[in-house]
Amino acid sequence: MKDLTQHLVVDWKTEKTPEQLKIMKLYANTSRQLCLIYVAYVLSGVIIFFSLPLVPFILDVMWPLNQSRPVISPYPGYYFVDTREYFFKIFWHSIISWEIIFTAVVAHDCLLMTYVEHICSMFTMVG
């Protein structure tokens, strides 16, 4: 990854004709737009995924039953405590942990998209 990033930086710093720079900027903007769309897509999925455990609490307020609804976690973590009592602490811990993981995955995917678009711009300039 380090070598690819260094090649990308060197390619941008070398002297190019205005037409070649225009091609590189076009592909860089395409890469940026793809990354923004991808981030929005993943973020919306994460928000939906993590709002599902809150549904029983919302339903208990809106349409209460004679008994509490079961708490369902999107990813079951075993903390050896009462999940009903410590639900929100466990919930925030899982949100923070999964956001770190999703951030790393999205950063990796966006970097890969940037590399692919840069390679496409190089092939366009050559051909």
N, C-alpha and C. Protein backbone atom coordinates (compact mmCIF):
# COMPACT_ATOMS: atom_id res chain seq x y z
N MET A 1 0.83 -1.18 0.00
CA MET A 1 0.00 0.00 0.00
C MET A 1 0.88 1.25 0.00
N LYS A 2 1.96 1.17 0.75
CA LYS A 2 2.85 2.33 0.81
C LYS A 2 3.46 2.61 -0.55
N ASP A 3 3.87 1.56 -1.25
CA ASP A 3 4.46 1.75 -2.58
C ASP A 3 3.44 2.32 -3.57
N LEU A 4 2.21 1.82 -3.50
CA LEU A 4 1.17 2.34 -4.40
C LEU A 4 0.90 3.82 -4.14
N THR A 5 0.86 4.19 -2.87
CA THR A 5 0.63 5.59 -2.53
C THR A 5 1.79 6.46 -2.98
N GLN A 6 3.01 5.96 -2.84
CA GLN A 6 4.17 6.73 -3.30
C GLN A 6 4.14 6.90 -4.82
N HIS A 7 3.76 5.86 -5.55
CA HIS A 7 3.65 5.97 -7.01
C HIS A 7 2.57 6.98 -7.39
N LEU A 8 1.47 6.97 -6.66
CA LEU A 8 0.39 7.91 -6.94
C LEU A 8 0.87 9.35 -6.73
N VAL A 9 1.59 9.60 -5.65
CA VAL A 9 2.10 10.95 -5.38
C VAL A 9 3.11 11.36 -6.44
N VAL A 10 4.00 10.45 -6.82
CA VAL A 10 5.00 10.76 -7.85
C VAL A 10 4.32 11.07 -9.18
N ASP A 11 3.28 10.30 -9.52
CA ASP A 11 2.57 10.55 -10.77
C ASP A 11 1.93 11.93 -10.79
N TRP A 12 1.43 12.39 -9.65
CA TRP A 12 0.82 13.71 -9.60
C TRP A 12 1.86 14.82 -9.64
N LYS A 13 3.07 14.56 -9.13
CA LYS A 13 4.08 15.61 -9.05
C LYS A 13 4.90 15.76 -10.34
N THR A 14 4.92 14.75 -11.18
CA THR A 14 5.72 14.85 -12.41
C THR A 14 5.06 15.81 -13.38
N GLU A 15 5.88 16.38 -14.25
CA GLU A 15 5.39 17.35 -15.24
C GLU A 15 4.47 16.65 -16.24
N LYS A 16 3.35 17.26 -16.46
CA LYS A 16 2.38 16.71 -17.41
C LYS A 16 1.82 17.85 -18.25
N THR A 17 1.30 17.48 -19.40
CA THR A 17 0.66 18.48 -20.25
C THR A 17 -0.69 18.85 -19.63
N PRO A 18 -1.24 20.00 -20.00
CA PRO A 18 -2.55 20.38 -19.44
C PRO A 18 -3.65 19.36 -19.75
N GLU A 19 -3.56 18.72 -20.92
CA GLU A 19 -4.56 17.71 -21.27
C GLU A 19 -4.45 16.49 -20.34
N GLN A 20 -3.22 16.08 -20.03
CA GLN A 20 -3.03 14.95 -19.13
C GLN A 20 -3.50 15.28 -17.71
N LEU A 21 -3.23 16.49 -17.26
CA LEU A 21 -3.71 16.91 -15.94
C LEU A 21 -5.23 16.93 -15.88
N LYS A 22 -5.84 17.34 -16.99
CA LYS A 22 -7.30 17.37 -17.05
C LYS A 22 -7.86 15.95 -16.92
N ILE A 23 -7.23 14.99 -17.59
CA ILE A 23 -7.66 13.59 -17.51
C ILE A 23 -7.50 13.07 -16.08
N MET A 24 -6.35 13.37 -15.46
CA MET A 24 -6.12 12.91 -14.09
C MET A 24 -7.12 13.52 -13.12
N LYS A 25 -7.43 14.80 -13.29
CA LYS A 25 -8.40 15.46 -12.40
C LYS A 25 -9.80 14.89 -12.61
N LEU A 26 -10.13 14.56 -13.85
CA LEU A 26 -11.43 13.96 -14.13
C LEU A 26 -11.60 12.64 -13.39
N TYR A 27 -10.59 11.79 -13.48
CA TYR A 27 -10.65 10.50 -12.79
C TYR A 27 -10.57 10.67 -11.28
N ALA A 28 -9.83 11.65 -10.80
CA ALA A 28 -9.76 11.90 -9.36
C ALA A 28 -11.12 12.36 -8.83
N ASN A 29 -11.80 13.20 -9.59
CA ASN A 29 -13.14 13.64 -9.18
C ASN A 29 -14.14 12.49 -9.21
N THR A 30 -14.01 11.62 -10.20
CA THR A 30 -14.87 10.44 -10.26
C THR A 30 -14.64 9.55 -9.03
N SER A 31 -13.38 9.37 -8.67
CA SER A 31 -13.05 8.58 -7.49
C SER A 31 -13.62 9.21 -6.23
N ARG A 32 -13.53 10.51 -6.13
CA ARG A 32 -14.07 11.22 -4.96
C ARG A 32 -15.58 11.04 -4.87
N GLN A 33 -16.27 11.17 -5.99
CA GLN A 33 -17.72 11.01 -5.99
C GLN A 33 -18.12 9.58 -5.63
N LEU A 34 -17.41 8.60 -6.17
CA LEU A 34 -17.70 7.21 -5.84
C LEU A 34 -17.50 6.94 -4.35
N CYS A 35 -16.43 7.50 -3.79
CA CYS A 35 -16.17 7.31 -2.37
C CYS A 35 -17.25 7.96 -1.51
N LEU A 36 -17.69 9.15 -1.89
CA LEU A 36 -18.74 9.82 -1.11
C LEU A 36 -20.06 9.04 -1.17
N ILE A 37 -20.39 8.52 -2.34
CA ILE A 37 -21.60 7.70 -2.47
C ILE A 37 -21.48 6.43 -1.64
N TYR A 38 -20.32 5.81 -1.68
CA TYR A 38 -20.08 4.59 -0.92
C TYR A 38 -20.17 4.85 0.59
N VAL A 39 -19.59 5.95 1.04
CA VAL A 39 -19.64 6.30 2.46
C VAL A 39 -21.09 6.55 2.89
N ALA A 40 -21.85 7.25 2.07
CA ALA A 40 -23.26 7.51 2.40
C ALA A 40 -24.05 6.20 2.45
N TYR A 41 -23.78 5.31 1.52
CA TYR A 41 -24.46 4.02 1.48
C TYR A 41 -24.15 3.19 2.72
N VAL A 42 -22.88 3.10 3.07
CA VAL A 42 -22.48 2.31 4.24
C VAL A 42 -23.00 2.95 5.52
N LEU A 43 -22.92 4.27 5.61
CA LEU A 43 -23.39 4.96 6.81
C LEU A 43 -24.89 4.77 7.02
N SER A 44 -25.66 4.83 5.94
CA SER A 44 -27.10 4.61 6.09
C SER A 44 -27.39 3.18 6.53
N GLY A 45 -26.65 2.23 6.01
CA GLY A 45 -26.81 0.84 6.45
C GLY A 45 -26.44 0.65 7.91
N VAL A 46 -25.39 1.31 8.34
CA VAL A 46 -24.96 1.20 9.74
C VAL A 46 -26.00 1.82 10.67
N ILE A 47 -26.56 2.95 10.27
CA ILE A 47 -27.58 3.60 11.11
C ILE A 47 -28.81 2.71 11.24
N ILE A 48 -29.23 2.11 10.14
CA ILE A 48 -30.38 1.20 10.20
C ILE A 48 -30.05 -0.03 11.04
N PHE A 49 -28.87 -0.57 10.85
CA PHE A 49 -28.44 -1.76 11.58
C PHE A 49 -28.43 -1.51 13.09
N PHE A 50 -27.94 -0.35 13.50
CA PHE A 50 -27.84 -0.07 14.93
C PHE A 50 -29.10 0.54 15.53
N SER A 51 -30.06 0.92 14.73
CA SER A 51 -31.31 1.41 15.30
C SER A 51 -32.28 0.27 15.60
N LEU A 52 -32.03 -0.90 15.06
CA LEU A 52 -32.93 -2.04 15.30
C LEU A 52 -33.05 -2.44 16.78
N PRO A 53 -31.98 -2.43 17.58
CA PRO A 53 -32.16 -2.80 18.99
C PRO A 53 -32.99 -1.80 19.78
N LEU A 54 -33.17 -0.60 19.27
CA LEU A 54 -33.97 0.40 19.98
C LEU A 54 -35.47 0.22 19.76
N VAL A 55 -35.85 -0.59 18.80
CA VAL A 55 -37.26 -0.79 18.47
C VAL A 55 -38.07 -1.30 19.67
N PRO A 56 -37.61 -2.30 20.44
CA PRO A 56 -38.42 -2.74 21.59
C PRO A 56 -38.67 -1.62 22.61
N PHE A 57 -37.69 -0.76 22.83
CA PHE A 57 -37.88 0.33 23.79
C PHE A 57 -38.89 1.35 23.27
N ILE A 58 -38.83 1.63 21.99
CA ILE A 58 -39.79 2.56 21.39
C ILE A 58 -41.19 1.97 21.42
N LEU A 59 -41.30 0.68 21.10
CA LEU A 59 -42.61 0.02 21.12
C LEU A 59 -43.17 -0.07 22.55
N ASP A 60 -42.28 -0.24 23.55
CA ASP A 60 -42.75 -0.27 24.94
C ASP A 60 -43.36 1.06 25.35
N VAL A 61 -42.87 2.15 24.78
CA VAL A 61 -43.43 3.47 25.10
C VAL A 61 -44.71 3.71 24.31
N MET A 62 -44.70 3.36 23.03
CA MET A 62 -45.85 3.65 22.17
C MET A 62 -47.01 2.68 22.39
N TRP A 63 -46.73 1.39 22.40
CA TRP A 63 -47.74 0.35 22.58
C TRP A 63 -47.27 -0.61 23.67
N PRO A 64 -47.45 -0.24 24.92
CA PRO A 64 -46.93 -1.10 26.00
C PRO A 64 -47.68 -2.42 26.09
N LEU A 65 -46.95 -3.42 26.48
CA LEU A 65 -47.52 -4.74 26.74
C LEU A 65 -47.52 -4.97 28.25
N ASN A 66 -48.09 -6.07 28.68
CA ASN A 66 -48.06 -6.41 30.10
C ASN A 66 -46.68 -6.86 30.54
N GLN A 67 -45.85 -7.18 29.60
CA GLN A 67 -44.49 -7.60 29.91
C GLN A 67 -43.53 -6.87 28.98
N SER A 68 -42.27 -6.85 29.35
CA SER A 68 -41.27 -6.17 28.53
C SER A 68 -40.94 -7.01 27.31
N ARG A 69 -40.65 -6.32 26.25
CA ARG A 69 -40.23 -7.02 25.03
C ARG A 69 -38.77 -7.45 25.19
N PRO A 70 -38.39 -8.54 24.54
CA PRO A 70 -36.99 -8.99 24.66
C PRO A 70 -36.04 -8.02 23.96
N VAL A 71 -34.87 -7.87 24.56
CA VAL A 71 -33.84 -7.01 23.99
C VAL A 71 -33.03 -7.83 23.00
N ILE A 72 -32.95 -7.34 21.78
CA ILE A 72 -32.22 -8.04 20.72
C ILE A 72 -31.06 -7.16 20.28
N SER A 73 -29.87 -7.69 20.39
CA SER A 73 -28.69 -6.95 19.99
C SER A 73 -28.32 -7.34 18.56
N PRO A 74 -27.86 -6.37 17.74
CA PRO A 74 -27.48 -6.74 16.37
C PRO A 74 -26.27 -7.66 16.34
N TYR A 75 -25.40 -7.49 17.30
CA TYR A 75 -24.25 -8.38 17.43
C TYR A 75 -24.18 -8.80 18.89
N PRO A 76 -24.45 -10.06 19.19
CA PRO A 76 -24.49 -10.46 20.60
C PRO A 76 -23.09 -10.46 21.23
N GLY A 77 -22.94 -9.63 22.22
CA GLY A 77 -21.70 -9.61 22.98
C GLY A 77 -21.99 -10.15 24.37
N TYR A 78 -21.10 -10.91 24.90
CA TYR A 78 -21.31 -11.53 26.21
C TYR A 78 -20.48 -10.76 27.23
N TYR A 79 -21.18 -9.95 28.03
CA TYR A 79 -20.52 -9.10 29.02
C TYR A 79 -20.70 -9.64 30.43
N PHE A 80 -21.41 -10.73 30.61
CA PHE A 80 -21.63 -11.37 31.90
C PHE A 80 -22.33 -10.44 32.89
N VAL A 81 -23.22 -9.60 32.38
CA VAL A 81 -24.07 -8.74 33.21
C VAL A 81 -25.48 -8.83 32.67
N ASP A 82 -26.41 -8.26 33.39
CA ASP A 82 -27.80 -8.24 32.95
C ASP A 82 -27.93 -7.31 31.75
N THR A 83 -28.27 -7.87 30.58
CA THR A 83 -28.32 -7.05 29.36
C THR A 83 -29.45 -6.04 29.39
N ARG A 84 -30.51 -6.33 30.11
CA ARG A 84 -31.63 -5.37 30.19
C ARG A 84 -31.23 -4.16 31.04
N GLU A 85 -30.52 -4.40 32.13
CA GLU A 85 -30.14 -3.31 33.03
C GLU A 85 -29.05 -2.43 32.42
N TYR A 86 -28.07 -3.06 31.77
CA TYR A 86 -26.94 -2.32 31.21
C TYR A 86 -27.03 -2.18 29.69
N PHE A 87 -28.24 -2.20 29.16
CA PHE A 87 -28.41 -2.21 27.71
C PHE A 87 -27.75 -1.02 27.04
N PHE A 88 -27.98 0.17 27.54
CA PHE A 88 -27.49 1.35 26.85
C PHE A 88 -25.96 1.47 26.93
N LYS A 89 -25.36 1.03 28.01
CA LYS A 89 -23.89 1.03 28.09
C LYS A 89 -23.31 0.02 27.09
N ILE A 90 -23.90 -1.15 27.03
CA ILE A 90 -23.46 -2.16 26.06
C ILE A 90 -23.72 -1.68 24.64
N PHE A 91 -24.86 -1.04 24.45
CA PHE A 91 -25.23 -0.52 23.13
C PHE A 91 -24.22 0.52 22.65
N TRP A 92 -23.86 1.48 23.50
CA TRP A 92 -22.90 2.51 23.10
C TRP A 92 -21.51 1.92 22.87
N HIS A 93 -21.14 0.93 23.68
CA HIS A 93 -19.86 0.28 23.47
C HIS A 93 -19.82 -0.41 22.11
N SER A 94 -20.90 -1.10 21.76
CA SER A 94 -20.93 -1.78 20.46
C SER A 94 -20.96 -0.79 19.31
N ILE A 95 -21.67 0.33 19.46
CA ILE A 95 -21.71 1.33 18.39
C ILE A 95 -20.32 1.90 18.15
N ILE A 96 -19.62 2.26 19.22
CA ILE A 96 -18.28 2.83 19.07
C ILE A 96 -17.33 1.81 18.45
N SER A 97 -17.40 0.57 18.92
CA SER A 97 -16.51 -0.47 18.38
C SER A 97 -16.77 -0.73 16.90
N TRP A 98 -18.04 -0.86 16.53
CA TRP A 98 -18.36 -1.15 15.14
C TRP A 98 -18.09 0.04 14.24
N GLU A 99 -18.24 1.25 14.74
CA GLU A 99 -17.93 2.42 13.92
C GLU A 99 -16.44 2.48 13.59
N ILE A 100 -15.60 2.09 14.54
CA ILE A 100 -14.16 2.04 14.27
C ILE A 100 -13.87 1.01 13.19
N ILE A 101 -14.51 -0.14 13.27
CA ILE A 101 -14.31 -1.19 12.27
C ILE A 101 -14.82 -0.73 10.91
N PHE A 102 -16.02 -0.15 10.87
CA PHE A 102 -16.57 0.31 9.59
C PHE A 102 -15.74 1.43 8.99
N THR A 103 -15.19 2.29 9.82
CA THR A 103 -14.33 3.36 9.31
C THR A 103 -13.09 2.79 8.64
N ALA A 104 -12.50 1.78 9.25
CA ALA A 104 -11.32 1.15 8.65
C ALA A 104 -11.66 0.47 7.32
N VAL A 105 -12.78 -0.22 7.28
CA VAL A 105 -13.19 -0.91 6.05
C VAL A 105 -13.49 0.09 4.94
N VAL A 106 -14.22 1.15 5.27
CA VAL A 106 -14.56 2.16 4.26
C VAL A 106 -13.31 2.89 3.78
N ALA A 107 -12.38 3.19 4.68
CA ALA A 107 -11.14 3.84 4.27
C ALA A 107 -10.35 2.95 3.31
N HIS A 108 -10.29 1.67 3.61
CA HIS A 108 -9.58 0.74 2.73
C HIS A 108 -10.25 0.67 1.37
N ASP A 109 -11.56 0.56 1.34
CA ASP A 109 -12.29 0.46 0.08
C ASP A 109 -12.15 1.74 -0.75
N CYS A 110 -12.21 2.89 -0.09
CA CYS A 110 -12.06 4.16 -0.82
C CYS A 110 -10.65 4.31 -1.38
N LEU A 111 -9.66 3.86 -0.62
CA LEU A 111 -8.29 3.91 -1.12
C LEU A 111 -8.13 3.00 -2.33
N LEU A 112 -8.74 1.84 -2.29
CA LEU A 112 -8.70 0.93 -3.44
C LEU A 112 -9.38 1.55 -4.65
N MET A 113 -10.53 2.20 -4.45
CA MET A 113 -11.21 2.88 -5.56
C MET A 113 -10.33 3.99 -6.14
N THR A 114 -9.64 4.70 -5.27
CA THR A 114 -8.76 5.77 -5.73
C THR A 114 -7.62 5.21 -6.57
N TYR A 115 -7.03 4.09 -6.12
CA TYR A 115 -5.96 3.47 -6.90
C TYR A 115 -6.47 3.01 -8.26
N VAL A 116 -7.63 2.39 -8.30
CA VAL A 116 -8.18 1.89 -9.57
C VAL A 116 -8.45 3.05 -10.52
N GLU A 117 -9.04 4.13 -10.01
CA GLU A 117 -9.31 5.29 -10.86
C GLU A 117 -8.01 5.93 -11.35
N HIS A 118 -7.00 5.95 -10.50
CA HIS A 118 -5.71 6.51 -10.92
C HIS A 118 -5.09 5.66 -12.03
N ILE A 119 -5.17 4.36 -11.88
CA ILE A 119 -4.64 3.46 -12.93
C ILE A 119 -5.41 3.66 -14.22
N CYS A 120 -6.72 3.82 -14.13
CA CYS A 120 -7.53 4.07 -15.33
C CYS A 120 -7.12 5.38 -15.99
N SER A 121 -6.80 6.40 -15.19
CA SER A 121 -6.36 7.67 -15.78
C SER A 121 -5.01 7.51 -16.47
N MET A 122 -4.13 6.69 -15.90
CA MET A 122 -2.83 6.46 -16.53
C MET A 122 -3.01 5.73 -17.87
N PHE A 123 -3.89 4.74 -17.91
CA PHE A 123 -4.15 4.03 -19.16
C PHE A 123 -4.80 4.94 -20.20
N THR A 124 -5.66 5.85 -19.75
CA THR A 124 -6.29 6.79 -20.68
C THR A 124 -5.25 7.72 -21.28
N MET A 125 -4.30 8.16 -20.46
CA MET A 125 -3.25 9.06 -20.97
C MET A 125 -2.33 8.34 -21.95
N VAL A 126 -2.04 7.07 -21.69
CA VAL A 126 -1.15 6.31 -22.56
C VAL A 126 -1.85 5.98 -23.88
N GLY A 127 -3.10 5.58 -23.79
CA GLY A 127 -3.82 5.12 -24.98
C GLY A 127 -4.59 6.19 -25.54
